[in-house]
Amino acid sequence: MEGLNPTDLEKLFAAKEARRQKLATASFPEKIMMLVRLQEMAAPILNARGIHVRPWKIAPPARVAKPRA
């Protein structure tokens, strides 16, 4: 990682860890929706290469109000 000073590297690694923590706290339905979005992004590229794929067709989860504490 040439050209990056130690402060920049610390910020990058801190941001990476924060993103991992955020993803880890996502609910299972949210994680599935993220996976489907990745499939939708990759499908046109793979199809153009002759690899025929189809993203999952699932309905988004219904929003449920969180109980008040």
PDB file of N, CA and C in Angstrom:
ATOM      1  N   MET A   1       0.835  -1.181   0.000  1.00  0.00           N
ATOM      2  CA  MET A   1       0.000   0.000   0.000  1.00  0.00           C
ATOM      3  C   MET A   1       0.879   1.243   0.000  1.00  0.00           C
ATOM      4  N   GLU A   2       1.534   1.426  -1.108  1.00  0.00           N
ATOM      5  CA  GLU A   2       2.406   2.580  -1.231  1.00  0.00           C
ATOM      6  C   GLU A   2       1.581   3.854  -1.293  1.00  0.00           C
ATOM      7  N   GLY A   3       2.155   4.928  -0.811  1.00  0.00           N
ATOM      8  CA  GLY A   3       1.519   6.226  -0.888  1.00  0.00           C
ATOM      9  C   GLY A   3       0.530   6.513   0.225  1.00  0.00           C
ATOM     10  N   LEU A   4       0.287   5.563   1.096  1.00  0.00           N
ATOM     11  CA  LEU A   4      -0.623   5.791   2.214  1.00  0.00           C
ATOM     12  C   LEU A   4       0.183   5.938   3.488  1.00  0.00           C
ATOM     13  N   ASN A   5      -0.120   6.995   4.214  1.00  0.00           N
ATOM     14  CA  ASN A   5       0.586   7.159   5.480  1.00  0.00           C
ATOM     15  C   ASN A   5      -0.130   6.349   6.563  1.00  0.00           C
ATOM     16  N   PRO A   6       0.522   6.135   7.687  1.00  0.00           N
ATOM     17  CA  PRO A   6      -0.071   5.299   8.744  1.00  0.00           C
ATOM     18  C   PRO A   6      -1.432   5.795   9.230  1.00  0.00           C
ATOM     19  N   THR A   7      -1.635   7.105   9.247  1.00  0.00           N
ATOM     20  CA  THR A   7      -2.921   7.641   9.689  1.00  0.00           C
ATOM     21  C   THR A   7      -4.030   7.241   8.726  1.00  0.00           C
ATOM     22  N   ASP A   8      -3.745   7.330   7.421  1.00  0.00           N
ATOM     23  CA  ASP A   8      -4.735   6.921   6.424  1.00  0.00           C
ATOM     24  C   ASP A   8      -5.054   5.433   6.550  1.00  0.00           C
ATOM     25  N   LEU A   9      -4.034   4.631   6.781  1.00  0.00           N
ATOM     26  CA  LEU A   9      -4.251   3.190   6.943  1.00  0.00           C
ATOM     27  C   LEU A   9      -5.115   2.898   8.159  1.00  0.00           C
ATOM     28  N   GLU A  10      -4.862   3.604   9.252  1.00  0.00           N
ATOM     29  CA  GLU A  10      -5.665   3.405  10.461  1.00  0.00           C
ATOM     30  C   GLU A  10      -7.125   3.740  10.190  1.00  0.00           C
ATOM     31  N   LYS A  11      -7.366   4.832   9.458  1.00  0.00           N
ATOM     32  CA  LYS A  11      -8.737   5.222   9.132  1.00  0.00           C
ATOM     33  C   LYS A  11      -9.408   4.172   8.248  1.00  0.00           C
ATOM     34  N   LEU A  12      -8.665   3.655   7.276  1.00  0.00           N
ATOM     35  CA  LEU A  12      -9.216   2.626   6.392  1.00  0.00           C
ATOM     36  C   LEU A  12      -9.587   1.363   7.162  1.00  0.00           C
ATOM     37  N   PHE A  13      -8.687   0.911   8.023  1.00  0.00           N
ATOM     38  CA  PHE A  13      -8.960  -0.300   8.790  1.00  0.00           C
ATOM     39  C   PHE A  13     -10.085  -0.088   9.797  1.00  0.00           C
ATOM     40  N   ALA A  14     -10.173   1.111  10.382  1.00  0.00           N
ATOM     41  CA  ALA A  14     -11.263   1.411  11.312  1.00  0.00           C
ATOM     42  C   ALA A  14     -12.602   1.410  10.573  1.00  0.00           C
ATOM     43  N   ALA A  15     -12.627   1.989   9.375  1.00  0.00           N
ATOM     44  CA  ALA A  15     -13.857   2.006   8.583  1.00  0.00           C
ATOM     45  C   ALA A  15     -14.250   0.587   8.171  1.00  0.00           C
ATOM     46  N   LYS A  16     -13.263  -0.222   7.830  1.00  0.00           N
ATOM     47  CA  LYS A  16     -13.527  -1.610   7.445  1.00  0.00           C
ATOM     48  C   LYS A  16     -14.137  -2.378   8.617  1.00  0.00           C
ATOM     49  N   GLU A  17     -13.585  -2.194   9.797  1.00  0.00           N
ATOM     50  CA  GLU A  17     -14.104  -2.875  10.983  1.00  0.00           C
ATOM     51  C   GLU A  17     -15.509  -2.380  11.320  1.00  0.00           C
ATOM     52  N   ALA A  18     -15.748  -1.075  11.192  1.00  0.00           N
ATOM     53  CA  ALA A  18     -17.080  -0.531  11.469  1.00  0.00           C
ATOM     54  C   ALA A  18     -18.108  -1.122  10.506  1.00  0.00           C
ATOM     55  N   ARG A  19     -17.734  -1.259   9.241  1.00  0.00           N
ATOM     56  CA  ARG A  19     -18.648  -1.856   8.257  1.00  0.00           C
ATOM     57  C   ARG A  19     -18.921  -3.314   8.602  1.00  0.00           C
ATOM     58  N   ARG A  20     -17.905  -4.040   9.001  1.00  0.00           N
ATOM     59  CA  ARG A  20     -18.105  -5.447   9.383  1.00  0.00           C
ATOM     60  C   ARG A  20     -19.052  -5.558  10.571  1.00  0.00           C
ATOM     61  N   GLN A  21     -18.883  -4.678  11.552  1.00  0.00           N
ATOM     62  CA  GLN A  21     -19.762  -4.701  12.722  1.00  0.00           C
ATOM     63  C   GLN A  21     -21.202  -4.394  12.318  1.00  0.00           C
ATOM     64  N   LYS A  22     -21.371  -3.415  11.425  1.00  0.00           N
ATOM     65  CA  LYS A  22     -22.711  -3.052  10.966  1.00  0.00           C
ATOM     66  C   LYS A  22     -23.359  -4.224  10.237  1.00  0.00           C
ATOM     67  N   LEU A  23     -22.608  -4.885   9.365  1.00  0.00           N
ATOM     68  CA  LEU A  23     -23.149  -6.027   8.633  1.00  0.00           C
ATOM     69  C   LEU A  23     -23.471  -7.189   9.573  1.00  0.00           C
ATOM     70  N   ALA A  24     -22.664  -7.360  10.596  1.00  0.00           N
ATOM     71  CA  ALA A  24     -22.880  -8.460  11.538  1.00  0.00           C
ATOM     72  C   ALA A  24     -24.163  -8.274  12.343  1.00  0.00           C
ATOM     73  N   THR A  25     -24.568  -7.024  12.565  1.00  0.00           N
ATOM     74  CA  THR A  25     -25.771  -6.776  13.359  1.00  0.00           C
ATOM     75  C   THR A  25     -27.042  -6.768  12.516  1.00  0.00           C
ATOM     76  N   ALA A  26     -26.915  -6.896  11.202  1.00  0.00           N
ATOM     77  CA  ALA A  26     -28.096  -6.914  10.334  1.00  0.00           C
ATOM     78  C   ALA A  26     -28.903  -8.183  10.592  1.00  0.00           C
ATOM     79  N   SER A  27     -30.211  -8.062  10.421  1.00  0.00           N
ATOM     80  CA  SER A  27     -31.079  -9.232  10.608  1.00  0.00           C
ATOM     81  C   SER A  27     -30.887 -10.205   9.445  1.00  0.00           C
ATOM     82  N   PHE A  28     -31.347 -11.434   9.644  1.00  0.00           N
ATOM     83  CA  PHE A  28     -31.213 -12.441   8.592  1.00  0.00           C
ATOM     84  C   PHE A  28     -31.919 -12.011   7.302  1.00  0.00           C
ATOM     85  N   PRO A  29     -33.163 -11.509   7.361  1.00  0.00           N
ATOM     86  CA  PRO A  29     -33.807 -11.057   6.120  1.00  0.00           C
ATOM     87  C   PRO A  29     -33.032  -9.927   5.424  1.00  0.00           C
ATOM     88  N   GLU A  30     -32.433  -9.035   6.203  1.00  0.00           N
ATOM     89  CA  GLU A  30     -31.627  -7.967   5.607  1.00  0.00           C
ATOM     90  C   GLU A  30     -30.407  -8.546   4.890  1.00  0.00           C
ATOM     91  N   LYS A  31     -29.796  -9.541   5.499  1.00  0.00           N
ATOM     92  CA  LYS A  31     -28.626 -10.170   4.885  1.00  0.00           C
ATOM     93  C   LYS A  31     -29.011 -10.876   3.583  1.00  0.00           C
ATOM     94  N   ILE A  32     -30.170 -11.515   3.562  1.00  0.00           N
ATOM     95  CA  ILE A  32     -30.636 -12.175   2.344  1.00  0.00           C
ATOM     96  C   ILE A  32     -30.893 -11.138   1.256  1.00  0.00           C
ATOM     97  N   MET A  33     -31.490 -10.010   1.615  1.00  0.00           N
ATOM     98  CA  MET A  33     -31.744  -8.963   0.625  1.00  0.00           C
ATOM     99  C   MET A  33     -30.428  -8.397   0.087  1.00  0.00           C
ATOM    100  N   MET A  34     -29.402  -8.298   0.929  1.00  0.00           N
ATOM    101  CA  MET A  34     -28.083  -7.857   0.461  1.00  0.00           C
ATOM    102  C   MET A  34     -27.520  -8.861  -0.544  1.00  0.00           C
ATOM    103  N   LEU A  35     -27.698 -10.140  -0.243  1.00  0.00           N
ATOM    104  CA  LEU A  35     -27.212 -11.195  -1.135  1.00  0.00           C
ATOM    105  C   LEU A  35     -27.911 -11.136  -2.491  1.00  0.00           C
ATOM    106  N   VAL A  36     -29.224 -10.937  -2.472  1.00  0.00           N
ATOM    107  CA  VAL A  36     -29.978 -10.839  -3.721  1.00  0.00           C
ATOM    108  C   VAL A  36     -29.514  -9.623  -4.518  1.00  0.00           C
ATOM    109  N   ARG A  37     -29.250  -8.525  -3.846  1.00  0.00           N
ATOM    110  CA  ARG A  37     -28.764  -7.318  -4.537  1.00  0.00           C
ATOM    111  C   ARG A  37     -27.410  -7.594  -5.196  1.00  0.00           C
ATOM    112  N   LEU A  38     -26.532  -8.302  -4.516  1.00  0.00           N
ATOM    113  CA  LEU A  38     -25.248  -8.670  -5.119  1.00  0.00           C
ATOM    114  C   LEU A  38     -25.456  -9.572  -6.335  1.00  0.00           C
ATOM    115  N   GLN A  39     -26.403 -10.505  -6.230  1.00  0.00           N
ATOM    116  CA  GLN A  39     -26.711 -11.371  -7.369  1.00  0.00           C
ATOM    117  C   GLN A  39     -27.200 -10.547  -8.556  1.00  0.00           C
ATOM    118  N   GLU A  40     -28.057  -9.555  -8.287  1.00  0.00           N
ATOM    119  CA  GLU A  40     -28.583  -8.703  -9.354  1.00  0.00           C
ATOM    120  C   GLU A  40     -27.478  -7.887 -10.011  1.00  0.00           C
ATOM    121  N   MET A  41     -26.496  -7.484  -9.235  1.00  0.00           N
ATOM    122  CA  MET A  41     -25.383  -6.710  -9.780  1.00  0.00           C
ATOM    123  C   MET A  41     -24.462  -7.593 -10.622  1.00  0.00           C
ATOM    124  N   ALA A  42     -24.264  -8.832 -10.202  1.00  0.00           N
ATOM    125  CA  ALA A  42     -23.335  -9.723 -10.897  1.00  0.00           C
ATOM    126  C   ALA A  42     -23.952 -10.389 -12.120  1.00  0.00           C
ATOM    127  N   ALA A  43     -25.260 -10.566 -12.137  1.00  0.00           N
ATOM    128  CA  ALA A  43     -25.921 -11.318 -13.210  1.00  0.00           C
ATOM    129  C   ALA A  43     -25.629 -10.778 -14.610  1.00  0.00           C
ATOM    130  N   PRO A  44     -25.742  -9.467 -14.872  1.00  0.00           N
ATOM    131  CA  PRO A  44     -25.471  -8.994 -16.234  1.00  0.00           C
ATOM    132  C   PRO A  44     -24.034  -9.261 -16.687  1.00  0.00           C
ATOM    133  N   ILE A  45     -23.105  -9.158 -15.779  1.00  0.00           N
ATOM    134  CA  ILE A  45     -21.694  -9.397 -16.114  1.00  0.00           C
ATOM    135  C   ILE A  45     -21.484 -10.865 -16.460  1.00  0.00           C
ATOM    136  N   LEU A  46     -22.003 -11.742 -15.616  1.00  0.00           N
ATOM    137  CA  LEU A  46     -21.843 -13.178 -15.852  1.00  0.00           C
ATOM    138  C   LEU A  46     -22.584 -13.619 -17.107  1.00  0.00           C
ATOM    139  N   ASN A  47     -23.793 -13.089 -17.315  1.00  0.00           N
ATOM    140  CA  ASN A  47     -24.550 -13.447 -18.516  1.00  0.00           C
ATOM    141  C   ASN A  47     -23.818 -13.003 -19.775  1.00  0.00           C
ATOM    142  N   ALA A  48     -23.170 -11.841 -19.736  1.00  0.00           N
ATOM    143  CA  ALA A  48     -22.402 -11.361 -20.888  1.00  0.00           C
ATOM    144  C   ALA A  48     -21.214 -12.273 -21.177  1.00  0.00           C
ATOM    145  N   ARG A  49     -20.727 -12.950 -20.166  1.00  0.00           N
ATOM    146  CA  ARG A  49     -19.605 -13.885 -20.330  1.00  0.00           C
ATOM    147  C   ARG A  49     -20.072 -15.284 -20.722  1.00  0.00           C
ATOM    148  N   GLY A  50     -21.373 -15.451 -20.886  1.00  0.00           N
ATOM    149  CA  GLY A  50     -21.895 -16.757 -21.268  1.00  0.00           C
ATOM    150  C   GLY A  50     -22.222 -17.661 -20.101  1.00  0.00           C
ATOM    151  N   ILE A  51     -22.126 -17.145 -18.894  1.00  0.00           N
ATOM    152  CA  ILE A  51     -22.472 -17.917 -17.695  1.00  0.00           C
ATOM    153  C   ILE A  51     -23.892 -17.503 -17.311  1.00  0.00           C
ATOM    154  N   HIS A  52     -24.849 -18.365 -17.576  1.00  0.00           N
ATOM    155  CA  HIS A  52     -26.244 -17.999 -17.384  1.00  0.00           C
ATOM    156  C   HIS A  52     -26.647 -18.181 -15.920  1.00  0.00           C
ATOM    157  N   VAL A  53     -26.946 -17.071 -15.299  1.00  0.00           N
ATOM    158  CA  VAL A  53     -27.366 -17.070 -13.899  1.00  0.00           C
ATOM    159  C   VAL A  53     -28.669 -16.296 -13.793  1.00  0.00           C
ATOM    160  N   ARG A  54     -29.378 -16.545 -12.704  1.00  0.00           N
ATOM    161  CA  ARG A  54     -30.626 -15.848 -12.456  1.00  0.00           C
ATOM    162  C   ARG A  54     -30.692 -15.527 -10.963  1.00  0.00           C
ATOM    163  N   PRO A  55     -30.802 -14.242 -10.605  1.00  0.00           N
ATOM    164  CA  PRO A  55     -30.918 -13.897  -9.182  1.00  0.00           C
ATOM    165  C   PRO A  55     -32.192 -14.499  -8.585  1.00  0.00           C
ATOM    166  N   TRP A  56     -32.148 -14.743  -7.298  1.00  0.00           N
ATOM    167  CA  TRP A  56     -33.322 -15.257  -6.605  1.00  0.00           C
ATOM    168  C   TRP A  56     -34.452 -14.252  -6.734  1.00  0.00           C
ATOM    169  N   LYS A  57     -35.650 -14.743  -6.898  1.00  0.00           N
ATOM    170  CA  LYS A  57     -36.841 -13.893  -6.938  1.00  0.00           C
ATOM    171  C   LYS A  57     -37.570 -14.078  -5.612  1.00  0.00           C
ATOM    172  N   ILE A  58     -37.316 -13.180  -4.698  1.00  0.00           N
ATOM    173  CA  ILE A  58     -37.985 -13.246  -3.400  1.00  0.00           C
ATOM    174  C   ILE A  58     -38.563 -11.877  -3.092  1.00  0.00           C
ATOM    175  N   ALA A  59     -39.651 -11.876  -2.363  1.00  0.00           N
ATOM    176  CA  ALA A  59     -40.288 -10.622  -1.975  1.00  0.00           C
ATOM    177  C   ALA A  59     -39.528 -10.023  -0.795  1.00  0.00           C
ATOM    178  N   PRO A  60     -39.446  -8.705  -0.761  1.00  0.00           N
ATOM    179  CA  PRO A  60     -38.808  -8.079   0.403  1.00  0.00           C
ATOM    180  C   PRO A  60     -39.604  -8.409   1.668  1.00  0.00           C
ATOM    181  N   PRO A  61     -38.930  -8.524   2.793  1.00  0.00           N
ATOM    182  CA  PRO A  61     -39.640  -8.850   4.035  1.00  0.00           C
ATOM    183  C   PRO A  61     -40.570  -7.710   4.437  1.00  0.00           C
ATOM    184  N   ALA A  62     -41.677  -8.070   5.056  1.00  0.00           N
ATOM    185  CA  ALA A  62     -42.607  -7.061   5.556  1.00  0.00           C
ATOM    186  C   ALA A  62     -41.963  -6.325   6.716  1.00  0.00           C
ATOM    187  N   ARG A  63     -42.189  -5.055   6.767  1.00  0.00           N
ATOM    188  CA  ARG A  63     -41.640  -4.250   7.866  1.00  0.00           C
ATOM    189  C   ARG A  63     -42.472  -4.502   9.116  1.00  0.00           C
ATOM    190  N   VAL A  64     -41.808  -4.851  10.180  1.00  0.00           N
ATOM    191  CA  VAL A  64     -42.478  -5.098  11.450  1.00  0.00           C
ATOM    192  C   VAL A  64     -41.984  -4.058  12.436  1.00  0.00           C
ATOM    193  N   ALA A  65     -42.930  -3.408  13.094  1.00  0.00           N
ATOM    194  CA  ALA A  65     -42.555  -2.388  14.073  1.00  0.00           C
ATOM    195  C   ALA A  65     -41.836  -3.051  15.238  1.00  0.00           C
ATOM    196  N   LYS A  66     -40.774  -2.416  15.684  1.00  0.00           N
ATOM    197  CA  LYS A  66     -40.030  -2.937  16.829  1.00  0.00           C
ATOM    198  C   LYS A  66     -40.796  -2.611  18.109  1.00  0.00           C
ATOM    199  N   PRO A  67     -40.856  -3.556  19.040  1.00  0.00           N
ATOM    200  CA  PRO A  67     -41.555  -3.284  20.300  1.00  0.00           C
ATOM    201  C   PRO A  67     -40.835  -2.200  21.086  1.00  0.00           C
ATOM    202  N   ARG A  68     -41.623  -1.405  21.765  1.00  0.00           N
ATOM    203  CA  ARG A  68     -41.033  -0.335  22.577  1.00  0.00           C
ATOM    204  C   ARG A  68     -40.527  -0.904  23.892  1.00  0.00           C
ATOM    205  N   ALA A  69     -39.425  -0.354  24.334  1.00  0.00           N
ATOM    206  CA  ALA A  69     -38.822  -0.838  25.586  1.00  0.00           C
ATOM    207  C   ALA A  69     -39.474  -0.217  26.787  1.00  0.00           C
TER     208      ALA A  69
END
